[in-house]
Amino acid sequence: MITIEAKYFYELTIDELYALLQLRSEVFVVEQDCVYQDIDYKDQKALHILGYKDEKLVAYTRLFKGGDYFEYASIGRVVVREAVRKFGYGHDIIRASISAIFEEYGETKIKISAQTYLKNFYETHGFYQIGEGYLEDGIPHIAMLKE
């Protein structure tokens, strides 16, 4: 089990911000070999969900309320450090993110842009595919909704 913290951008320490940007870069840019602009000026609006194991950031998401980017609330930048994926921390961080959306925004409908290979993972949390697949930064994605 991981320890979860939820913080808005202005609440993050410099070290926390550095750690989350490092983790996102490690997975999305280096591991997935995808050159894209991760620092997109959306972090300032987001609620950041940080998952720690032994005081090290191992899982992360960022959340937005409905109307910020999609009609519904959304979860993005879902990431788990490769070395600890086998422990189910992805499930922990998604459950915490769904709860935080309800607690913080009072919303239950959530839209995500998921990497296609993770469809079954998200389905275990109540999401279902809407529409056709598409490429985002060269990686196959699908839109998914949880109601």
N, C-alpha and C. Protein backbone atom coordinates (compact mmCIF):
# COMPACT_ATOMS: atom_id res chain seq x y z
N MET A 1 0.85 -1.19 0.00
CA MET A 1 0.00 0.00 0.00
C MET A 1 0.89 1.24 0.00
N ILE A 2 0.42 2.24 -0.73
CA ILE A 2 1.17 3.50 -0.77
C ILE A 2 0.45 4.55 0.06
N THR A 3 1.19 5.55 0.46
CA THR A 3 0.65 6.69 1.18
C THR A 3 0.29 7.74 0.15
N ILE A 4 -0.93 8.25 0.22
CA ILE A 4 -1.44 9.20 -0.77
C ILE A 4 -1.50 10.60 -0.17
N GLU A 5 -1.06 11.59 -0.94
CA GLU A 5 -1.23 12.99 -0.59
C GLU A 5 -1.87 13.70 -1.79
N ALA A 6 -2.74 14.63 -1.52
CA ALA A 6 -3.37 15.44 -2.56
C ALA A 6 -3.01 16.90 -2.31
N LYS A 7 -2.47 17.56 -3.34
CA LYS A 7 -2.04 18.95 -3.18
C LYS A 7 -2.31 19.73 -4.46
N TYR A 8 -2.75 20.96 -4.25
CA TYR A 8 -2.82 21.88 -5.38
C TYR A 8 -1.42 22.40 -5.68
N PHE A 9 -1.24 22.94 -6.88
CA PHE A 9 0.07 23.39 -7.33
C PHE A 9 0.76 24.29 -6.31
N TYR A 10 0.04 25.26 -5.79
CA TYR A 10 0.64 26.22 -4.86
C TYR A 10 1.02 25.59 -3.52
N GLU A 11 0.52 24.39 -3.25
CA GLU A 11 0.85 23.70 -2.00
C GLU A 11 2.08 22.80 -2.14
N LEU A 12 2.49 22.52 -3.37
CA LEU A 12 3.65 21.65 -3.59
C LEU A 12 4.94 22.33 -3.17
N THR A 13 5.81 21.57 -2.53
CA THR A 13 7.14 22.09 -2.25
C THR A 13 7.96 21.99 -3.54
N ILE A 14 9.08 22.67 -3.57
CA ILE A 14 9.96 22.58 -4.74
C ILE A 14 10.41 21.14 -4.94
N ASP A 15 10.74 20.44 -3.87
CA ASP A 15 11.18 19.05 -3.97
C ASP A 15 10.07 18.14 -4.49
N GLU A 16 8.83 18.37 -4.06
CA GLU A 16 7.69 17.56 -4.56
C GLU A 16 7.47 17.81 -6.04
N LEU A 17 7.51 19.08 -6.45
CA LEU A 17 7.35 19.42 -7.86
C LEU A 17 8.45 18.77 -8.70
N TYR A 18 9.67 18.86 -8.23
CA TYR A 18 10.80 18.27 -8.95
C TYR A 18 10.62 16.76 -9.07
N ALA A 19 10.19 16.10 -7.99
CA ALA A 19 10.01 14.65 -7.99
C ALA A 19 8.91 14.23 -8.97
N LEU A 20 7.81 14.96 -9.01
CA LEU A 20 6.72 14.56 -9.92
C LEU A 20 7.11 14.80 -11.38
N LEU A 21 7.82 15.90 -11.64
CA LEU A 21 8.27 16.15 -13.01
C LEU A 21 9.31 15.12 -13.44
N GLN A 22 10.17 14.71 -12.50
CA GLN A 22 11.17 13.69 -12.80
C GLN A 22 10.51 12.37 -13.12
N LEU A 23 9.51 11.97 -12.33
CA LEU A 23 8.81 10.70 -12.56
C LEU A 23 8.08 10.73 -13.91
N ARG A 24 7.39 11.80 -14.20
CA ARG A 24 6.69 11.90 -15.48
C ARG A 24 7.67 11.81 -16.64
N SER A 25 8.79 12.50 -16.54
CA SER A 25 9.79 12.47 -17.59
C SER A 25 10.41 11.07 -17.74
N GLU A 26 10.70 10.44 -16.61
CA GLU A 26 11.29 9.09 -16.62
C GLU A 26 10.42 8.10 -17.39
N VAL A 27 9.12 8.17 -17.18
CA VAL A 27 8.21 7.21 -17.80
C VAL A 27 7.76 7.67 -19.18
N PHE A 28 7.20 8.87 -19.27
CA PHE A 28 6.57 9.29 -20.52
C PHE A 28 7.57 9.67 -21.61
N VAL A 29 8.71 10.23 -21.24
CA VAL A 29 9.69 10.65 -22.24
C VAL A 29 10.74 9.57 -22.48
N VAL A 30 11.38 9.09 -21.41
CA VAL A 30 12.49 8.15 -21.55
C VAL A 30 11.99 6.72 -21.80
N GLU A 31 11.22 6.16 -20.86
CA GLU A 31 10.77 4.78 -21.00
C GLU A 31 9.92 4.57 -22.25
N GLN A 32 8.98 5.48 -22.51
CA GLN A 32 8.10 5.32 -23.67
C GLN A 32 8.68 5.94 -24.94
N ASP A 33 9.88 6.49 -24.83
CA ASP A 33 10.58 7.05 -25.97
C ASP A 33 9.67 7.99 -26.77
N CYS A 34 9.09 8.95 -26.06
CA CYS A 34 8.12 9.87 -26.66
C CYS A 34 8.54 11.31 -26.38
N VAL A 35 8.90 12.00 -27.42
CA VAL A 35 9.26 13.41 -27.25
C VAL A 35 7.98 14.23 -27.31
N TYR A 36 7.64 14.86 -26.20
CA TYR A 36 6.44 15.70 -26.15
C TYR A 36 6.63 16.75 -25.06
N GLN A 37 5.78 17.77 -25.06
CA GLN A 37 5.89 18.86 -24.10
C GLN A 37 5.10 18.52 -22.84
N ASP A 38 5.76 17.95 -21.86
CA ASP A 38 5.10 17.57 -20.61
C ASP A 38 4.71 18.80 -19.79
N ILE A 39 5.58 19.76 -19.74
CA ILE A 39 5.32 20.97 -18.96
C ILE A 39 4.45 21.88 -19.83
N ASP A 40 3.13 21.88 -19.53
CA ASP A 40 2.15 22.45 -20.43
C ASP A 40 1.29 23.56 -19.81
N TYR A 41 1.69 24.05 -18.66
CA TYR A 41 0.96 25.11 -17.94
C TYR A 41 -0.43 24.66 -17.48
N LYS A 42 -0.66 23.35 -17.44
CA LYS A 42 -1.92 22.84 -16.88
C LYS A 42 -1.75 22.45 -15.42
N ASP A 43 -0.51 22.24 -15.00
CA ASP A 43 -0.26 21.82 -13.62
C ASP A 43 -0.79 22.84 -12.61
N GLN A 44 -0.78 24.11 -12.98
CA GLN A 44 -1.23 25.16 -12.06
C GLN A 44 -2.71 25.02 -11.70
N LYS A 45 -3.53 24.45 -12.59
CA LYS A 45 -4.96 24.26 -12.32
C LYS A 45 -5.25 22.93 -11.63
N ALA A 46 -4.32 22.01 -11.68
CA ALA A 46 -4.57 20.62 -11.28
C ALA A 46 -4.51 20.40 -9.77
N LEU A 47 -5.21 19.36 -9.36
CA LEU A 47 -5.02 18.77 -8.04
C LEU A 47 -4.09 17.59 -8.28
N HIS A 48 -2.95 17.58 -7.60
CA HIS A 48 -1.92 16.57 -7.81
C HIS A 48 -2.07 15.47 -6.76
N ILE A 49 -2.15 14.22 -7.23
CA ILE A 49 -2.26 13.08 -6.34
C ILE A 49 -0.91 12.37 -6.34
N LEU A 50 -0.28 12.34 -5.19
CA LEU A 50 1.07 11.82 -5.04
C LEU A 50 1.04 10.54 -4.22
N GLY A 51 1.64 9.48 -4.75
CA GLY A 51 1.68 8.20 -4.06
C GLY A 51 3.10 7.87 -3.65
N TYR A 52 3.29 7.69 -2.35
CA TYR A 52 4.63 7.45 -1.80
C TYR A 52 4.76 6.06 -1.21
N LYS A 53 5.94 5.47 -1.42
CA LYS A 53 6.33 4.24 -0.75
C LYS A 53 7.71 4.48 -0.18
N ASP A 54 7.84 4.29 1.13
CA ASP A 54 9.12 4.54 1.81
C ASP A 54 9.65 5.94 1.49
N GLU A 55 8.74 6.92 1.52
CA GLU A 55 9.05 8.34 1.31
C GLU A 55 9.56 8.68 -0.09
N LYS A 56 9.39 7.76 -1.04
CA LYS A 56 9.79 8.02 -2.43
C LYS A 56 8.54 8.05 -3.29
N LEU A 57 8.44 9.05 -4.18
CA LEU A 57 7.30 9.15 -5.07
C LEU A 57 7.34 7.99 -6.07
N VAL A 58 6.29 7.16 -6.06
CA VAL A 58 6.24 6.00 -6.95
C VAL A 58 5.03 6.02 -7.87
N ALA A 59 4.03 6.85 -7.57
CA ALA A 59 2.82 6.92 -8.39
C ALA A 59 2.28 8.35 -8.34
N TYR A 60 1.58 8.72 -9.41
CA TYR A 60 1.15 10.12 -9.53
C TYR A 60 0.01 10.22 -10.54
N THR A 61 -0.90 11.16 -10.30
CA THR A 61 -1.88 11.61 -11.29
C THR A 61 -2.10 13.10 -11.08
N ARG A 62 -2.72 13.72 -12.07
CA ARG A 62 -3.21 15.09 -11.88
C ARG A 62 -4.67 15.10 -12.28
N LEU A 63 -5.46 15.87 -11.53
CA LEU A 63 -6.91 15.90 -11.69
C LEU A 63 -7.38 17.29 -12.07
N PHE A 64 -8.48 17.31 -12.83
CA PHE A 64 -9.11 18.57 -13.20
C PHE A 64 -10.61 18.47 -12.97
N LYS A 65 -11.21 19.55 -12.56
CA LYS A 65 -12.66 19.56 -12.40
C LYS A 65 -13.31 19.68 -13.78
N GLY A 66 -14.59 19.31 -13.84
CA GLY A 66 -15.32 19.41 -15.08
C GLY A 66 -15.28 20.83 -15.63
N GLY A 67 -15.10 20.93 -16.95
CA GLY A 67 -15.05 22.23 -17.59
C GLY A 67 -13.65 22.79 -17.75
N ASP A 68 -12.68 22.27 -17.00
CA ASP A 68 -11.30 22.76 -17.16
C ASP A 68 -10.73 22.33 -18.52
N TYR A 69 -10.88 21.04 -18.86
CA TYR A 69 -10.35 20.54 -20.13
C TYR A 69 -11.33 19.65 -20.87
N PHE A 70 -12.15 18.94 -20.12
CA PHE A 70 -13.22 18.12 -20.70
C PHE A 70 -14.53 18.60 -20.08
N GLU A 71 -15.62 18.13 -20.64
CA GLU A 71 -16.93 18.45 -20.07
C GLU A 71 -17.02 17.93 -18.63
N TYR A 72 -16.39 16.78 -18.40
CA TYR A 72 -16.42 16.15 -17.08
C TYR A 72 -15.06 16.27 -16.40
N ALA A 73 -15.02 15.93 -15.13
CA ALA A 73 -13.75 15.89 -14.41
C ALA A 73 -12.83 14.92 -15.14
N SER A 74 -11.53 15.06 -14.93
CA SER A 74 -10.59 14.18 -15.63
C SER A 74 -9.38 13.84 -14.77
N ILE A 75 -8.80 12.72 -15.13
CA ILE A 75 -7.56 12.22 -14.52
C ILE A 75 -6.54 12.14 -15.65
N GLY A 76 -5.37 12.68 -15.43
CA GLY A 76 -4.33 12.63 -16.44
C GLY A 76 -2.96 12.38 -15.85
N ARG A 77 -1.99 12.20 -16.74
CA ARG A 77 -0.59 11.96 -16.36
C ARG A 77 -0.49 10.81 -15.34
N VAL A 78 -1.27 9.76 -15.57
CA VAL A 78 -1.25 8.61 -14.66
C VAL A 78 0.08 7.89 -14.85
N VAL A 79 0.83 7.77 -13.78
CA VAL A 79 2.16 7.18 -13.90
C VAL A 79 2.53 6.41 -12.64
N VAL A 80 3.17 5.26 -12.86
CA VAL A 80 3.73 4.46 -11.77
C VAL A 80 5.15 4.10 -12.17
N ARG A 81 6.07 4.28 -11.23
CA ARG A 81 7.47 3.95 -11.49
C ARG A 81 7.59 2.49 -11.91
N GLU A 82 8.33 2.22 -12.96
CA GLU A 82 8.42 0.88 -13.55
C GLU A 82 8.80 -0.19 -12.54
N ALA A 83 9.74 0.09 -11.68
CA ALA A 83 10.25 -0.91 -10.74
C ALA A 83 9.21 -1.40 -9.74
N VAL A 84 8.11 -0.66 -9.57
CA VAL A 84 7.11 -1.04 -8.55
C VAL A 84 5.73 -1.34 -9.14
N ARG A 85 5.61 -1.43 -10.44
CA ARG A 85 4.31 -1.66 -11.07
C ARG A 85 3.67 -2.97 -10.63
N LYS A 86 4.48 -3.96 -10.34
CA LYS A 86 3.96 -5.28 -9.98
C LYS A 86 3.21 -5.29 -8.65
N PHE A 87 3.29 -4.22 -7.88
CA PHE A 87 2.66 -4.17 -6.55
C PHE A 87 1.24 -3.61 -6.55
N GLY A 88 0.72 -3.24 -7.71
CA GLY A 88 -0.65 -2.76 -7.79
C GLY A 88 -0.84 -1.31 -7.40
N TYR A 89 0.23 -0.53 -7.39
CA TYR A 89 0.11 0.87 -7.00
C TYR A 89 -0.70 1.68 -8.00
N GLY A 90 -0.77 1.22 -9.25
CA GLY A 90 -1.61 1.89 -10.24
C GLY A 90 -3.07 1.87 -9.81
N HIS A 91 -3.51 0.73 -9.27
CA HIS A 91 -4.88 0.64 -8.77
C HIS A 91 -5.09 1.57 -7.58
N ASP A 92 -4.09 1.63 -6.69
CA ASP A 92 -4.18 2.51 -5.52
C ASP A 92 -4.32 3.97 -5.94
N ILE A 93 -3.51 4.40 -6.90
CA ILE A 93 -3.51 5.82 -7.28
C ILE A 93 -4.79 6.17 -8.05
N ILE A 94 -5.34 5.24 -8.83
CA ILE A 94 -6.60 5.50 -9.54
C ILE A 94 -7.75 5.57 -8.55
N ARG A 95 -7.81 4.64 -7.60
CA ARG A 95 -8.88 4.69 -6.58
C ARG A 95 -8.82 6.00 -5.82
N ALA A 96 -7.62 6.41 -5.43
CA ALA A 96 -7.45 7.67 -4.70
C ALA A 96 -7.86 8.86 -5.56
N SER A 97 -7.58 8.80 -6.84
CA SER A 97 -7.93 9.90 -7.76
C SER A 97 -9.43 10.00 -7.94
N ILE A 98 -10.11 8.87 -8.10
CA ILE A 98 -11.57 8.86 -8.23
C ILE A 98 -12.20 9.43 -6.96
N SER A 99 -11.71 9.02 -5.82
CA SER A 99 -12.23 9.53 -4.54
C SER A 99 -11.98 11.03 -4.40
N ALA A 100 -10.80 11.48 -4.78
CA ALA A 100 -10.46 12.90 -4.66
C ALA A 100 -11.34 13.76 -5.57
N ILE A 101 -11.68 13.27 -6.75
CA ILE A 101 -12.57 14.02 -7.65
C ILE A 101 -13.93 14.21 -6.98
N PHE A 102 -14.44 13.17 -6.35
CA PHE A 102 -15.73 13.29 -5.69
C PHE A 102 -15.62 14.21 -4.46
N GLU A 103 -14.59 14.00 -3.64
CA GLU A 103 -14.44 14.78 -2.41
C GLU A 103 -14.15 16.26 -2.69
N GLU A 104 -13.32 16.52 -3.66
CA GLU A 104 -12.87 17.89 -3.93
C GLU A 104 -13.83 18.66 -4.84
N TYR A 105 -14.36 17.97 -5.85
CA TYR A 105 -15.18 18.63 -6.86
C TYR A 105 -16.66 18.24 -6.80
N GLY A 106 -16.99 17.20 -6.04
CA GLY A 106 -18.37 16.72 -5.97
C GLY A 106 -18.86 16.10 -7.27
N GLU A 107 -17.94 15.61 -8.09
CA GLU A 107 -18.28 15.06 -9.39
C GLU A 107 -18.09 13.55 -9.41
N THR A 108 -18.92 12.86 -10.18
CA THR A 108 -18.80 11.40 -10.32
C THR A 108 -18.49 10.98 -11.75
N LYS A 109 -18.80 11.83 -12.73
CA LYS A 109 -18.46 11.52 -14.12
C LYS A 109 -17.02 11.94 -14.38
N ILE A 110 -16.25 11.02 -14.93
CA ILE A 110 -14.82 11.26 -15.17
C ILE A 110 -14.48 10.81 -16.58
N LYS A 111 -13.80 11.67 -17.33
CA LYS A 111 -13.33 11.33 -18.67
C LYS A 111 -11.82 11.27 -18.66
N ILE A 112 -11.27 10.26 -19.32
CA ILE A 112 -9.82 10.14 -19.42
C ILE A 112 -9.42 9.88 -20.87
N SER A 113 -8.19 10.20 -21.18
CA SER A 113 -7.55 9.84 -22.44
C SER A 113 -6.53 8.77 -22.07
N ALA A 114 -6.86 7.51 -22.34
CA ALA A 114 -6.05 6.39 -21.86
C ALA A 114 -5.21 5.79 -22.98
N GLN A 115 -4.00 5.39 -22.64
CA GLN A 115 -3.23 4.61 -23.60
C GLN A 115 -4.00 3.31 -23.84
N THR A 116 -4.17 2.96 -25.10
CA THR A 116 -5.03 1.85 -25.49
C THR A 116 -4.69 0.55 -24.77
N TYR A 117 -3.41 0.28 -24.56
CA TYR A 117 -3.03 -0.99 -23.93
C TYR A 117 -3.50 -1.10 -22.48
N LEU A 118 -3.94 0.03 -21.89
CA LEU A 118 -4.41 0.02 -20.50
C LEU A 118 -5.94 -0.04 -20.39
N LYS A 119 -6.61 -0.31 -21.49
CA LYS A 119 -8.08 -0.35 -21.49
C LYS A 119 -8.62 -1.27 -20.40
N ASN A 120 -8.13 -2.50 -20.32
CA ASN A 120 -8.63 -3.45 -19.32
C ASN A 120 -8.38 -2.96 -17.89
N PHE A 121 -7.24 -2.34 -17.67
CA PHE A 121 -6.92 -1.78 -16.35
C PHE A 121 -7.99 -0.78 -15.94
N TYR A 122 -8.30 0.16 -16.82
CA TYR A 122 -9.29 1.20 -16.49
C TYR A 122 -10.70 0.62 -16.38
N GLU A 123 -10.99 -0.40 -17.16
CA GLU A 123 -12.30 -1.03 -17.06
C GLU A 123 -12.54 -1.62 -15.67
N THR A 124 -11.49 -2.09 -15.01
CA THR A 124 -11.66 -2.62 -13.65
C THR A 124 -12.06 -1.53 -12.66
N HIS A 125 -11.91 -0.27 -13.06
CA HIS A 125 -12.29 0.86 -12.20
C HIS A 125 -13.58 1.54 -12.69
N GLY A 126 -14.30 0.86 -13.58
CA GLY A 126 -15.60 1.36 -14.01
C GLY A 126 -15.61 2.25 -15.24
N PHE A 127 -14.48 2.39 -15.91
CA PHE A 127 -14.42 3.19 -17.14
C PHE A 127 -14.82 2.33 -18.33
N TYR A 128 -15.37 2.97 -19.36
CA TYR A 128 -15.65 2.27 -20.60
C TYR A 128 -15.26 3.17 -21.77
N GLN A 129 -14.90 2.53 -22.88
CA GLN A 129 -14.44 3.26 -24.05
C GLN A 129 -15.58 4.01 -24.71
N ILE A 130 -15.29 5.23 -25.14
CA ILE A 130 -16.23 6.00 -25.96
C ILE A 130 -15.49 6.42 -27.23
N GLY A 131 -16.12 6.24 -28.36
CA GLY A 131 -15.51 6.66 -29.62
C GLY A 131 -14.41 5.74 -30.10
N GLU A 132 -13.76 6.19 -31.16
CA GLU A 132 -12.69 5.43 -31.80
C GLU A 132 -11.34 5.80 -31.20
N GLY A 133 -10.37 4.93 -31.43
CA GLY A 133 -9.01 5.20 -30.98
C GLY A 133 -8.37 6.32 -31.78
N TYR A 134 -7.31 6.90 -31.25
CA TYR A 134 -6.60 7.99 -31.90
C TYR A 134 -5.15 7.99 -31.43
N LEU A 135 -4.32 8.70 -32.15
CA LEU A 135 -2.92 8.85 -31.75
C LEU A 135 -2.75 10.15 -30.98
N GLU A 136 -2.05 10.07 -29.87
CA GLU A 136 -1.70 11.24 -29.09
C GLU A 136 -0.20 11.15 -28.84
N ASP A 137 0.54 12.11 -29.35
CA ASP A 137 2.00 12.09 -29.27
C ASP A 137 2.58 10.79 -29.80
N GLY A 138 1.95 10.24 -30.86
CA GLY A 138 2.44 9.04 -31.51
C GLY A 138 2.09 7.74 -30.80
N ILE A 139 1.29 7.81 -29.73
CA ILE A 139 0.93 6.62 -28.95
C ILE A 139 -0.58 6.40 -29.07
N PRO A 140 -1.02 5.16 -29.37
CA PRO A 140 -2.46 4.88 -29.48
C PRO A 140 -3.19 5.14 -28.15
N HIS A 141 -4.28 5.90 -28.24
CA HIS A 141 -5.10 6.25 -27.09
C HIS A 141 -6.58 6.00 -27.39
N ILE A 142 -7.36 5.93 -26.34
CA ILE A 142 -8.82 5.88 -26.43
C ILE A 142 -9.39 6.80 -25.37
N ALA A 143 -10.56 7.39 -25.68
CA ALA A 143 -11.28 8.15 -24.67
C ALA A 143 -12.10 7.16 -23.85
N MET A 144 -12.15 7.37 -22.54
CA MET A 144 -12.92 6.50 -21.66
C MET A 144 -13.71 7.36 -20.69
N LEU A 145 -14.85 6.84 -20.26
CA LEU A 145 -15.73 7.58 -19.37
C LEU A 145 -16.14 6.69 -18.20
N LYS A 146 -16.26 7.30 -17.05
CA LYS A 146 -16.80 6.63 -15.85
C LYS A 146 -17.97 7.47 -15.39
N GLU A 147 -19.14 6.85 -15.22
CA GLU A 147 -20.32 7.61 -14.82
C GLU A 147 -20.75 7.23 -13.42
